[in-house]
Amino acid sequence: MTKPAGEKHTEKHNANLPTLRKIRRACNKELYRTMKRLKIWVPPAQLDEAEELYLKKVVLNLPFIAENSSNRKLLSDWWEQNVCEDIAKLWNVEPADLAKAFREAFGG
């Protein structure tokens, strides 16, 4: 029994969506690596707040992120435009420094 072409397309793209647990862990790793590249200490409360902020923005843009999961440069650009400014304020660092550290840590 064959499925209509639209159903195959939908199944293919839904299969690529990560679980909330995977997203949370990835956000945690990316911020931790970024913090290490900045060579700063971030209090646990600020790190948790940054993770929640990052997680919310990722979930709100999940279709775009899942679709472009193999394009790290594009995802780094997205992060710089949508997330960087808020975390820079939270961590009291320059947005340009934070963006550079994120790109080095993320590979974009």
N, C-alpha and C. Protein backbone atom coordinates (compact mmCIF):
# COMPACT_ATOMS: atom_id res chain seq x y z
N MET A 1 0.85 -1.18 0.00
CA MET A 1 0.00 0.00 0.00
C MET A 1 0.89 1.24 0.00
N THR A 2 0.71 2.09 -0.95
CA THR A 2 1.53 3.29 -1.04
C THR A 2 0.80 4.46 -0.41
N LYS A 3 1.56 5.38 0.10
CA LYS A 3 1.01 6.57 0.73
C LYS A 3 1.07 7.73 -0.26
N PRO A 4 0.18 8.67 -0.13
CA PRO A 4 0.28 9.87 -0.97
C PRO A 4 1.60 10.59 -0.71
N ALA A 5 2.08 11.26 -1.72
CA ALA A 5 3.38 11.93 -1.63
C ALA A 5 3.44 12.91 -0.47
N GLY A 6 2.37 13.60 -0.16
CA GLY A 6 2.34 14.56 0.93
C GLY A 6 2.58 13.92 2.29
N GLU A 7 2.07 12.72 2.49
CA GLU A 7 2.26 12.03 3.78
C GLU A 7 3.71 11.62 3.97
N LYS A 8 4.35 11.13 2.92
CA LYS A 8 5.76 10.75 3.03
C LYS A 8 6.60 11.97 3.41
N HIS A 9 6.32 13.07 2.75
CA HIS A 9 7.05 14.31 3.01
C HIS A 9 6.88 14.74 4.47
N THR A 10 5.66 14.68 4.98
CA THR A 10 5.39 15.08 6.36
C THR A 10 6.09 14.15 7.34
N GLU A 11 6.02 12.85 7.10
CA GLU A 11 6.67 11.89 7.99
C GLU A 11 8.17 12.11 8.04
N LYS A 12 8.75 12.36 6.88
CA LYS A 12 10.19 12.57 6.80
C LYS A 12 10.61 13.75 7.67
N HIS A 13 9.87 14.85 7.59
CA HIS A 13 10.27 16.04 8.34
C HIS A 13 9.92 15.95 9.81
N ASN A 14 8.87 15.27 10.17
CA ASN A 14 8.53 15.11 11.58
C ASN A 14 9.49 14.17 12.27
N ALA A 15 10.04 13.22 11.54
CA ALA A 15 10.98 12.27 12.13
C ALA A 15 12.26 12.97 12.55
N ASN A 16 12.58 14.11 11.94
CA ASN A 16 13.82 14.81 12.25
C ASN A 16 13.71 15.74 13.44
N LEU A 17 12.52 15.98 13.94
CA LEU A 17 12.38 16.90 15.07
C LEU A 17 12.91 16.24 16.34
N PRO A 18 13.81 16.92 17.04
CA PRO A 18 14.37 16.35 18.27
C PRO A 18 13.38 16.47 19.43
N THR A 19 13.61 15.66 20.45
CA THR A 19 12.78 15.72 21.64
C THR A 19 13.18 16.93 22.48
N LEU A 20 12.32 17.31 23.40
CA LEU A 20 12.62 18.45 24.28
C LEU A 20 13.88 18.16 25.11
N ARG A 21 14.06 16.94 25.53
CA ARG A 21 15.25 16.56 26.31
C ARG A 21 16.53 16.79 25.50
N LYS A 22 16.51 16.37 24.23
CA LYS A 22 17.69 16.56 23.38
C LYS A 22 17.97 18.04 23.14
N ILE A 23 16.90 18.81 22.96
CA ILE A 23 17.07 20.25 22.74
C ILE A 23 17.67 20.90 23.98
N ARG A 24 17.14 20.56 25.15
CA ARG A 24 17.64 21.13 26.41
C ARG A 24 19.12 20.79 26.61
N ARG A 25 19.49 19.55 26.35
CA ARG A 25 20.88 19.13 26.53
C ARG A 25 21.80 19.84 25.55
N ALA A 26 21.34 19.99 24.31
CA ALA A 26 22.16 20.69 23.30
C ALA A 26 22.35 22.15 23.68
N CYS A 27 21.29 22.81 24.14
CA CYS A 27 21.41 24.21 24.57
C CYS A 27 22.39 24.33 25.72
N ASN A 28 22.30 23.41 26.66
CA ASN A 28 23.21 23.42 27.81
C ASN A 28 24.66 23.28 27.36
N LYS A 29 24.92 22.32 26.48
CA LYS A 29 26.30 22.11 26.00
C LYS A 29 26.82 23.32 25.25
N GLU A 30 25.99 23.88 24.38
CA GLU A 30 26.43 25.01 23.57
C GLU A 30 26.76 26.22 24.44
N LEU A 31 25.93 26.49 25.44
CA LEU A 31 26.20 27.63 26.32
C LEU A 31 27.43 27.36 27.20
N TYR A 32 27.59 26.13 27.66
CA TYR A 32 28.76 25.78 28.47
C TYR A 32 30.05 25.98 27.66
N ARG A 33 30.05 25.49 26.42
CA ARG A 33 31.23 25.64 25.57
C ARG A 33 31.51 27.11 25.25
N THR A 34 30.45 27.87 25.06
CA THR A 34 30.60 29.30 24.79
C THR A 34 31.21 30.00 26.01
N MET A 35 30.70 29.67 27.18
CA MET A 35 31.21 30.27 28.42
C MET A 35 32.70 29.94 28.59
N LYS A 36 33.08 28.72 28.28
CA LYS A 36 34.49 28.33 28.40
C LYS A 36 35.37 29.11 27.42
N ARG A 37 34.88 29.37 26.24
CA ARG A 37 35.65 30.12 25.25
C ARG A 37 35.79 31.59 25.65
N LEU A 38 34.81 32.09 26.37
CA LEU A 38 34.88 33.47 26.87
C LEU A 38 35.83 33.58 28.06
N LYS A 39 36.11 32.44 28.69
CA LYS A 39 36.97 32.39 29.88
C LYS A 39 36.39 33.26 31.00
N ILE A 40 35.09 33.09 31.22
CA ILE A 40 34.41 33.80 32.31
C ILE A 40 33.68 32.78 33.18
N TRP A 41 33.38 33.20 34.39
CA TRP A 41 32.57 32.39 35.28
C TRP A 41 31.18 33.01 35.32
N VAL A 42 30.19 32.18 35.09
CA VAL A 42 28.80 32.64 35.12
C VAL A 42 28.14 31.94 36.30
N PRO A 43 27.52 32.71 37.20
CA PRO A 43 26.83 32.09 38.33
C PRO A 43 25.76 31.11 37.84
N PRO A 44 25.56 30.03 38.57
CA PRO A 44 24.59 29.01 38.15
C PRO A 44 23.19 29.56 37.86
N ALA A 45 22.75 30.54 38.63
CA ALA A 45 21.41 31.11 38.40
C ALA A 45 21.35 31.80 37.04
N GLN A 46 22.39 32.53 36.68
CA GLN A 46 22.42 33.21 35.38
C GLN A 46 22.56 32.20 34.23
N LEU A 47 23.31 31.15 34.46
CA LEU A 47 23.46 30.11 33.44
C LEU A 47 22.12 29.41 33.21
N ASP A 48 21.40 29.11 34.29
CA ASP A 48 20.08 28.48 34.17
C ASP A 48 19.10 29.40 33.44
N GLU A 49 19.14 30.67 33.75
CA GLU A 49 18.26 31.64 33.10
C GLU A 49 18.58 31.74 31.61
N ALA A 50 19.86 31.73 31.28
CA ALA A 50 20.27 31.79 29.87
C ALA A 50 19.83 30.53 29.13
N GLU A 51 19.94 29.37 29.78
CA GLU A 51 19.51 28.12 29.17
C GLU A 51 18.01 28.13 28.89
N GLU A 52 17.23 28.61 29.84
CA GLU A 52 15.77 28.67 29.64
C GLU A 52 15.41 29.62 28.51
N LEU A 53 16.08 30.75 28.46
CA LEU A 53 15.84 31.73 27.40
C LEU A 53 16.18 31.12 26.04
N TYR A 54 17.33 30.50 25.95
CA TYR A 54 17.79 29.87 24.71
C TYR A 54 16.83 28.75 24.31
N LEU A 55 16.43 27.93 25.26
CA LEU A 55 15.52 26.82 25.00
C LEU A 55 14.19 27.33 24.43
N LYS A 56 13.63 28.37 25.03
CA LYS A 56 12.36 28.92 24.55
C LYS A 56 12.48 29.41 23.12
N LYS A 57 13.57 30.09 22.81
CA LYS A 57 13.73 30.62 21.45
C LYS A 57 13.93 29.50 20.45
N VAL A 58 14.62 28.44 20.85
CA VAL A 58 14.81 27.29 19.96
C VAL A 58 13.46 26.61 19.71
N VAL A 59 12.69 26.39 20.75
CA VAL A 59 11.40 25.71 20.59
C VAL A 59 10.46 26.54 19.71
N LEU A 60 10.47 27.85 19.87
CA LEU A 60 9.62 28.71 19.05
C LEU A 60 10.02 28.69 17.57
N ASN A 61 11.28 28.38 17.30
CA ASN A 61 11.78 28.35 15.92
C ASN A 61 12.20 26.95 15.50
N LEU A 62 11.62 25.94 16.11
CA LEU A 62 12.04 24.56 15.89
C LEU A 62 11.96 24.11 14.42
N PRO A 63 10.91 24.43 13.69
CA PRO A 63 10.89 23.97 12.28
C PRO A 63 12.08 24.51 11.48
N PHE A 64 12.41 25.78 11.65
CA PHE A 64 13.55 26.38 10.95
C PHE A 64 14.85 25.70 11.38
N ILE A 65 15.01 25.49 12.67
CA ILE A 65 16.25 24.91 13.20
C ILE A 65 16.41 23.46 12.75
N ALA A 66 15.33 22.69 12.79
CA ALA A 66 15.39 21.29 12.35
C ALA A 66 15.67 21.20 10.85
N GLU A 67 15.07 22.07 10.10
CA GLU A 67 15.25 22.07 8.64
C GLU A 67 16.69 22.41 8.27
N ASN A 68 17.33 23.27 9.04
CA ASN A 68 18.70 23.73 8.75
C ASN A 68 19.72 23.14 9.70
N SER A 69 19.44 21.99 10.26
CA SER A 69 20.32 21.42 11.29
C SER A 69 21.73 21.13 10.80
N SER A 70 21.91 20.94 9.51
CA SER A 70 23.25 20.65 9.00
C SER A 70 24.01 21.91 8.58
N ASN A 71 23.37 23.07 8.66
CA ASN A 71 24.01 24.32 8.25
C ASN A 71 24.38 25.14 9.50
N ARG A 72 25.55 24.88 10.04
CA ARG A 72 25.96 25.53 11.29
C ARG A 72 26.15 27.03 11.14
N LYS A 73 26.58 27.47 9.97
CA LYS A 73 26.77 28.91 9.76
C LYS A 73 25.42 29.63 9.83
N LEU A 74 24.41 29.07 9.19
CA LEU A 74 23.08 29.66 9.21
C LEU A 74 22.50 29.66 10.63
N LEU A 75 22.71 28.57 11.36
CA LEU A 75 22.22 28.50 12.74
C LEU A 75 22.97 29.48 13.65
N SER A 76 24.25 29.66 13.40
CA SER A 76 25.01 30.64 14.17
C SER A 76 24.52 32.05 13.89
N ASP A 77 24.19 32.32 12.62
CA ASP A 77 23.63 33.62 12.27
C ASP A 77 22.29 33.83 12.98
N TRP A 78 21.46 32.78 12.99
CA TRP A 78 20.16 32.86 13.68
C TRP A 78 20.38 33.15 15.16
N TRP A 79 21.32 32.44 15.77
CA TRP A 79 21.59 32.61 17.20
C TRP A 79 22.04 34.05 17.48
N GLU A 80 22.91 34.55 16.63
CA GLU A 80 23.42 35.90 16.83
C GLU A 80 22.30 36.94 16.73
N GLN A 81 21.36 36.74 15.82
CA GLN A 81 20.27 37.69 15.64
C GLN A 81 19.18 37.56 16.69
N ASN A 82 18.93 36.36 17.20
CA ASN A 82 17.77 36.13 18.06
C ASN A 82 18.08 35.88 19.53
N VAL A 83 19.27 35.43 19.85
CA VAL A 83 19.56 35.00 21.21
C VAL A 83 20.71 35.79 21.85
N CYS A 84 21.70 36.13 21.06
CA CYS A 84 22.96 36.70 21.56
C CYS A 84 22.76 37.93 22.43
N GLU A 85 21.98 38.87 21.98
CA GLU A 85 21.80 40.15 22.70
C GLU A 85 21.26 39.92 24.12
N ASP A 86 20.27 39.04 24.26
CA ASP A 86 19.67 38.78 25.56
C ASP A 86 20.64 38.11 26.53
N ILE A 87 21.39 37.15 26.02
CA ILE A 87 22.35 36.45 26.89
C ILE A 87 23.52 37.37 27.23
N ALA A 88 23.94 38.20 26.29
CA ALA A 88 25.02 39.14 26.56
C ALA A 88 24.65 40.08 27.71
N LYS A 89 23.42 40.57 27.72
CA LYS A 89 22.95 41.43 28.82
C LYS A 89 22.94 40.66 30.13
N LEU A 90 22.47 39.43 30.07
CA LEU A 90 22.37 38.60 31.26
C LEU A 90 23.75 38.29 31.85
N TRP A 91 24.71 38.02 30.99
CA TRP A 91 26.05 37.65 31.43
C TRP A 91 27.00 38.84 31.55
N ASN A 92 26.53 40.04 31.22
CA ASN A 92 27.35 41.25 31.27
C ASN A 92 28.62 41.14 30.42
N VAL A 93 28.44 40.73 29.17
CA VAL A 93 29.54 40.66 28.22
C VAL A 93 29.13 41.40 26.95
N GLU A 94 30.10 41.71 26.13
CA GLU A 94 29.83 42.36 24.86
C GLU A 94 29.19 41.36 23.90
N PRO A 95 28.13 41.76 23.20
CA PRO A 95 27.48 40.85 22.25
C PRO A 95 28.43 40.33 21.17
N ALA A 96 29.34 41.17 20.69
CA ALA A 96 30.28 40.73 19.66
C ALA A 96 31.20 39.63 20.18
N ASP A 97 31.66 39.77 21.43
CA ASP A 97 32.53 38.76 22.04
C ASP A 97 31.76 37.45 22.24
N LEU A 98 30.52 37.59 22.69
CA LEU A 98 29.68 36.40 22.92
C LEU A 98 29.40 35.69 21.59
N ALA A 99 29.08 36.45 20.56
CA ALA A 99 28.79 35.86 19.25
C ALA A 99 30.02 35.13 18.70
N LYS A 100 31.18 35.73 18.87
CA LYS A 100 32.42 35.10 18.38
C LYS A 100 32.69 33.80 19.14
N ALA A 101 32.52 33.83 20.46
CA ALA A 101 32.74 32.63 21.27
C ALA A 101 31.74 31.53 20.91
N PHE A 102 30.49 31.93 20.66
CA PHE A 102 29.48 30.93 20.28
C PHE A 102 29.83 30.29 18.95
N ARG A 103 30.25 31.10 17.99
CA ARG A 103 30.61 30.55 16.66
C ARG A 103 31.80 29.57 16.79
N GLU A 104 32.75 29.92 17.63
CA GLU A 104 33.90 29.01 17.83
C GLU A 104 33.46 27.71 18.50
N ALA A 105 32.56 27.83 19.46
CA ALA A 105 32.10 26.65 20.20
C ALA A 105 31.16 25.79 19.35
N PHE A 106 30.31 26.43 18.57
CA PHE A 106 29.28 25.73 17.81
C PHE A 106 29.80 25.22 16.46
N GLY A 107 30.80 25.88 15.94
CA GLY A 107 31.37 25.45 14.67
C GLY A 107 30.76 26.15 13.47
N GLY A 108 30.27 27.38 13.66
CA GLY A 108 29.64 28.09 12.54
C GLY A 108 30.35 29.34 12.29
